[in-house]
Structures are given as structure tokens and as C-alpha cells.
Amino acid sequence: MALKRNFQSLDTFSMSSMTDVIFLLLIFFMVTSTIIFPAAIDVNLPQSSEQTSTKPVTEVYIDAEENLYLVADRNDSTQVLSVPKPVDFAQLEAELTGIQRMDSTRAIALYADSVVDYGKVVRVLDMAARNNMKMVLSTRARQME
């Protein structure tokens, strides 16, 4: 007895299931990616054409009025939003030294407004150098024209 095929195989490939999978992956990565909240301090950064590959989680801000602010851990999952706290130089050195003792490989970003006195920026950088801290001076990347 000969069996007969009732269907014919198609030579085409259906992409509809592949697009569904890609769409679901896109939604998954968009939902699970971290959302970076900008700091509430208005800092007008100077221009630069270079970028660094390290992503510091500790941030020091110097605003236009030359007030110092510290965000100890930008990626702390226990905080809803890392709020910069105002500090003076003695408090800043104590906080950064404590952070450095816990994690000696951590980089610290310094965001200084473009109108801030250069001496204040150097004072913070010098404090970091005395305590063997990795300090990154952050600038706004220049737009290529």
C-alpha cells in the first residue's frame, strides 16, 4: 500500500516568529536597563573632546556658587534617587577616605561648573591625590560638527 502525502513543503521561510522574538527581547532590555537620574544640581560643564571608559559611582559636584556636594553611591539599589548632600572640605575628605577604604578601585567623578575658581578644583584633586584616590574630572563631550 502506497502512502500519499497530503501536503506540500514550502521553500520560503517565515520571519514572523523571529520578529516576535526580537520585539520581546527589545522590550525586555528596555525594561531591565538601569535608568540614570540626573543630579538636581545645575552644573555647566566645560567642553572636552575626550571620554573615559570608567564609570564612576561616587560623584563630587562643585556648583557655580562653589558649594560642594557628594553622591556616595550612584548605583545604590536601596536608594530610590541618590540625592547630593552638601559638604565642606573636611567632611568631603572624611567621606571619600571612608569610601576609598571600602573599595580602593573605585573611581570618583568630579563635576565642576565652568565658572568655578580653578583653585577649588585643584584643592579637591589634591585631596584625592594625597589619599591615593582615582579622580576623574568630568566634562561635557563636545558635539562634533
C-alpha atoms as a PDB file:
ATOM      1  CA  MET A   1       0.000   0.000   0.000  1.00  0.00           C
ATOM      2  CA  ALA A   2       1.486   3.299  -1.048  1.00  0.00           C
ATOM      3  CA  LEU A   3       1.143   6.251   1.278  1.00  0.00           C
ATOM      4  CA  LYS A   4       0.440   9.581  -0.330  1.00  0.00           C
ATOM      5  CA  ARG A   5       1.468  12.960   1.061  1.00  0.00           C
ATOM      6  CA  ASN A   6      -1.426  15.309   1.605  1.00  0.00           C
ATOM      7  CA  PHE A   7       0.693  18.448   1.971  1.00  0.00           C
ATOM      8  CA  GLN A   8       3.464  20.074   0.076  1.00  0.00           C
ATOM      9  CA  SER A   9       6.503  21.643   1.790  1.00  0.00           C
ATOM     10  CA  LEU A  10       7.135  25.333   1.139  1.00  0.00           C
ATOM     11  CA  ASP A  11      10.523  26.660   0.129  1.00  0.00           C
ATOM     12  CA  THR A  12      10.010  30.023   1.892  1.00  0.00           C
ATOM     13  CA  PHE A  13      10.999  30.964   5.448  1.00  0.00           C
ATOM     14  CA  SER A  14       8.525  32.801   7.680  1.00  0.00           C
ATOM     15  CA  MET A  15      10.098  35.686   9.607  1.00  0.00           C
ATOM     16  CA  SER A  16       7.054  36.479  11.743  1.00  0.00           C
ATOM     17  CA  SER A  17       8.177  34.384  14.707  1.00  0.00           C
ATOM     18  CA  MET A  18      11.699  35.881  14.510  1.00  0.00           C
ATOM     19  CA  THR A  19      10.327  39.429  14.644  1.00  0.00           C
ATOM     20  CA  ASP A  20       8.198  38.485  17.660  1.00  0.00           C
ATOM     21  CA  VAL A  21      11.271  37.201  19.495  1.00  0.00           C
ATOM     22  CA  ILE A  22      13.300  40.317  18.633  1.00  0.00           C
ATOM     23  CA  PHE A  23      10.460  42.565  19.750  1.00  0.00           C
ATOM     24  CA  LEU A  24      10.178  40.728  23.077  1.00  0.00           C
ATOM     25  CA  LEU A  25      13.946  40.953  23.609  1.00  0.00           C
ATOM     26  CA  LEU A  26      13.853  44.675  22.878  1.00  0.00           C
ATOM     27  CA  ILE A  27      11.113  45.201  25.448  1.00  0.00           C
ATOM     28  CA  PHE A  28      12.974  43.056  27.992  1.00  0.00           C
ATOM     29  CA  PHE A  29      16.216  45.037  27.671  1.00  0.00           C
ATOM     30  CA  MET A  30      14.431  48.384  27.738  1.00  0.00           C
ATOM     31  CA  VAL A  31      12.599  47.481  30.943  1.00  0.00           C
ATOM     32  CA  THR A  32      15.576  45.922  32.736  1.00  0.00           C
ATOM     33  CA  SER A  33      18.172  48.530  31.812  1.00  0.00           C
ATOM     34  CA  THR A  34      19.127  50.981  34.535  1.00  0.00           C
ATOM     35  CA  ILE A  35      17.666  54.442  34.412  1.00  0.00           C
ATOM     36  CA  ILE A  36      20.153  57.188  35.236  1.00  0.00           C
ATOM     37  CA  PHE A  37      18.679  60.108  37.105  1.00  0.00           C
ATOM     38  CA  PRO A  38      20.447  63.402  36.513  1.00  0.00           C
ATOM     39  CA  ALA A  39      21.642  65.257  39.579  1.00  0.00           C
ATOM     40  CA  ALA A  40      19.488  68.108  40.799  1.00  0.00           C
ATOM     41  CA  ILE A  41      22.468  70.470  40.786  1.00  0.00           C
ATOM     42  CA  ASP A  42      22.819  72.833  37.848  1.00  0.00           C
ATOM     43  CA  VAL A  43      26.447  72.476  36.734  1.00  0.00           C
ATOM     44  CA  ASN A  44      27.590  73.978  33.435  1.00  0.00           C
ATOM     45  CA  LEU A  45      30.483  71.670  32.480  1.00  0.00           C
ATOM     46  CA  PRO A  46      33.388  72.793  30.294  1.00  0.00           C
ATOM     47  CA  GLN A  47      33.820  71.270  26.831  1.00  0.00           C
ATOM     48  CA  SER A  48      36.079  68.306  26.028  1.00  0.00           C
ATOM     49  CA  SER A  49      36.715  66.058  23.049  1.00  0.00           C
ATOM     50  CA  GLU A  50      37.962  63.026  25.042  1.00  0.00           C
ATOM     51  CA  GLN A  51      35.971  60.452  27.018  1.00  0.00           C
ATOM     52  CA  THR A  52      36.994  57.936  29.684  1.00  0.00           C
ATOM     53  CA  SER A  53      35.960  54.292  29.750  1.00  0.00           C
ATOM     54  CA  THR A  54      35.464  54.028  33.533  1.00  0.00           C
ATOM     55  CA  LYS A  55      32.060  54.726  35.005  1.00  0.00           C
ATOM     56  CA  PRO A  56      32.479  56.211  38.480  1.00  0.00           C
ATOM     57  CA  VAL A  57      29.714  55.685  41.013  1.00  0.00           C
ATOM     58  CA  THR A  58      30.935  58.273  43.541  1.00  0.00           C
ATOM     59  CA  GLU A  59      30.390  61.855  42.430  1.00  0.00           C
ATOM     60  CA  VAL A  60      31.564  65.221  43.750  1.00  0.00           C
ATOM     61  CA  TYR A  61      29.875  68.383  42.435  1.00  0.00           C
ATOM     62  CA  ILE A  62      31.039  71.989  42.647  1.00  0.00           C
ATOM     63  CA  ASP A  63      28.283  74.338  41.501  1.00  0.00           C
ATOM     64  CA  ALA A  64      28.579  77.941  40.263  1.00  0.00           C
ATOM     65  CA  GLU A  65      28.331  79.270  43.865  1.00  0.00           C
ATOM     66  CA  GLU A  66      31.300  76.984  44.739  1.00  0.00           C
ATOM     67  CA  ASN A  67      29.233  74.741  47.041  1.00  0.00           C
ATOM     68  CA  LEU A  68      30.462  71.140  47.385  1.00  0.00           C
ATOM     69  CA  TYR A  69      28.049  68.206  47.039  1.00  0.00           C
ATOM     70  CA  LEU A  70      28.687  64.461  47.351  1.00  0.00           C
ATOM     71  CA  VAL A  71      26.815  61.445  45.969  1.00  0.00           C
ATOM     72  CA  ALA A  72      28.420  58.488  47.750  1.00  0.00           C
ATOM     73  CA  ASP A  73      26.981  55.693  45.604  1.00  0.00           C
ATOM     74  CA  ARG A  74      25.035  56.442  42.422  1.00  0.00           C
ATOM     75  CA  ASN A  75      24.244  52.721  41.898  1.00  0.00           C
ATOM     76  CA  ASP A  76      22.984  52.021  45.441  1.00  0.00           C
ATOM     77  CA  SER A  77      19.861  49.892  44.987  1.00  0.00           C
ATOM     78  CA  THR A  78      18.497  50.790  48.433  1.00  0.00           C
ATOM     79  CA  GLN A  79      18.047  54.436  47.484  1.00  0.00           C
ATOM     80  CA  VAL A  80      15.244  55.477  45.165  1.00  0.00           C
ATOM     81  CA  LEU A  81      17.204  58.507  43.984  1.00  0.00           C
ATOM     82  CA  SER A  82      20.712  59.434  45.043  1.00  0.00           C
ATOM     83  CA  VAL A  83      20.377  62.950  46.407  1.00  0.00           C
ATOM     84  CA  PRO A  84      23.589  65.010  46.529  1.00  0.00           C
ATOM     85  CA  LYS A  85      24.315  66.125  50.079  1.00  0.00           C
ATOM     86  CA  PRO A  86      26.123  69.412  50.772  1.00  0.00           C
ATOM     87  CA  VAL A  87      29.548  69.017  52.405  1.00  0.00           C
ATOM     88  CA  ASP A  88      32.597  71.123  53.232  1.00  0.00           C
ATOM     89  CA  PHE A  89      36.219  70.152  52.503  1.00  0.00           C
ATOM     90  CA  ALA A  90      36.784  68.374  55.846  1.00  0.00           C
ATOM     91  CA  GLN A  91      33.586  66.323  55.511  1.00  0.00           C
ATOM     92  CA  LEU A  92      34.381  65.570  51.863  1.00  0.00           C
ATOM     93  CA  GLU A  93      37.843  64.253  52.731  1.00  0.00           C
ATOM     94  CA  ALA A  94      36.457  62.107  55.563  1.00  0.00           C
ATOM     95  CA  GLU A  95      33.675  60.655  53.383  1.00  0.00           C
ATOM     96  CA  LEU A  96      35.982  59.959  50.435  1.00  0.00           C
ATOM     97  CA  THR A  97      38.606  58.355  52.676  1.00  0.00           C
ATOM     98  CA  GLY A  98      35.939  56.038  54.101  1.00  0.00           C
ATOM     99  CA  ILE A  99      34.743  55.139  50.613  1.00  0.00           C
ATOM    100  CA  GLN A 100      38.332  54.531  49.488  1.00  0.00           C
ATOM    101  CA  ARG A 101      38.945  52.167  52.430  1.00  0.00           C
ATOM    102  CA  MET A 102      35.908  50.077  51.449  1.00  0.00           C
ATOM    103  CA  ASP A 103      36.774  49.929  47.720  1.00  0.00           C
ATOM    104  CA  SER A 104      40.237  51.049  46.641  1.00  0.00           C
ATOM    105  CA  THR A 105      39.485  50.503  42.928  1.00  0.00           C
ATOM    106  CA  ARG A 106      36.517  52.886  42.851  1.00  0.00           C
ATOM    107  CA  ALA A 107      36.863  55.959  40.658  1.00  0.00           C
ATOM    108  CA  ILE A 108      35.443  59.281  41.829  1.00  0.00           C
ATOM    109  CA  ALA A 109      33.992  61.762  39.338  1.00  0.00           C
ATOM    110  CA  LEU A 110      34.424  65.491  39.896  1.00  0.00           C
ATOM    111  CA  TYR A 111      31.828  67.698  38.194  1.00  0.00           C
ATOM    112  CA  ALA A 112      32.823  71.352  38.448  1.00  0.00           C
ATOM    113  CA  ASP A 113      30.950  74.242  36.879  1.00  0.00           C
ATOM    114  CA  SER A 114      32.928  76.084  34.194  1.00  0.00           C
ATOM    115  CA  VAL A 115      32.887  79.330  36.228  1.00  0.00           C
ATOM    116  CA  VAL A 116      34.309  77.751  39.410  1.00  0.00           C
ATOM    117  CA  ASP A 117      37.672  79.060  40.594  1.00  0.00           C
ATOM    118  CA  TYR A 118      40.385  76.704  39.357  1.00  0.00           C
ATOM    119  CA  GLY A 119      41.970  76.672  42.834  1.00  0.00           C
ATOM    120  CA  LYS A 120      38.927  74.960  44.322  1.00  0.00           C
ATOM    121  CA  VAL A 121      39.047  72.208  41.688  1.00  0.00           C
ATOM    122  CA  VAL A 122      42.780  71.731  42.291  1.00  0.00           C
ATOM    123  CA  ARG A 123      42.154  71.576  46.044  1.00  0.00           C
ATOM    124  CA  VAL A 124      39.718  68.662  45.578  1.00  0.00           C
ATOM    125  CA  LEU A 125      42.064  66.914  43.123  1.00  0.00           C
ATOM    126  CA  ASP A 126      44.995  67.412  45.538  1.00  0.00           C
ATOM    127  CA  MET A 127      42.950  65.933  48.390  1.00  0.00           C
ATOM    128  CA  ALA A 128      42.263  62.873  46.245  1.00  0.00           C
ATOM    129  CA  ALA A 129      45.935  62.527  45.263  1.00  0.00           C
ATOM    130  CA  ARG A 130      47.057  62.690  48.927  1.00  0.00           C
ATOM    131  CA  ASN A 131      44.702  59.802  49.748  1.00  0.00           C
ATOM    132  CA  ASN A 132      45.593  57.712  46.635  1.00  0.00           C
ATOM    133  CA  MET A 133      42.133  58.053  45.132  1.00  0.00           C
ATOM    134  CA  LYS A 134      41.343  57.765  41.425  1.00  0.00           C
ATOM    135  CA  MET A 135      39.700  61.056  40.496  1.00  0.00           C
ATOM    136  CA  VAL A 136      38.152  61.733  37.089  1.00  0.00           C
ATOM    137  CA  LEU A 137      37.484  65.342  36.108  1.00  0.00           C
ATOM    138  CA  SER A 138      34.214  65.168  34.179  1.00  0.00           C
ATOM    139  CA  THR A 139      33.393  67.456  31.305  1.00  0.00           C
ATOM    140  CA  ARG A 140      30.660  67.608  28.748  1.00  0.00           C
ATOM    141  CA  ALA A 141      31.702  65.924  25.499  1.00  0.00           C
ATOM    142  CA  ARG A 142      31.941  68.406  22.654  1.00  0.00           C
ATOM    143  CA  GLN A 143      29.493  67.890  19.798  1.00  0.00           C
ATOM    144  CA  MET A 144      31.275  67.102  16.537  1.00  0.00           C
ATOM    145  CA  GLU A 145      30.219  69.455  13.779  1.00  0.00           C
END
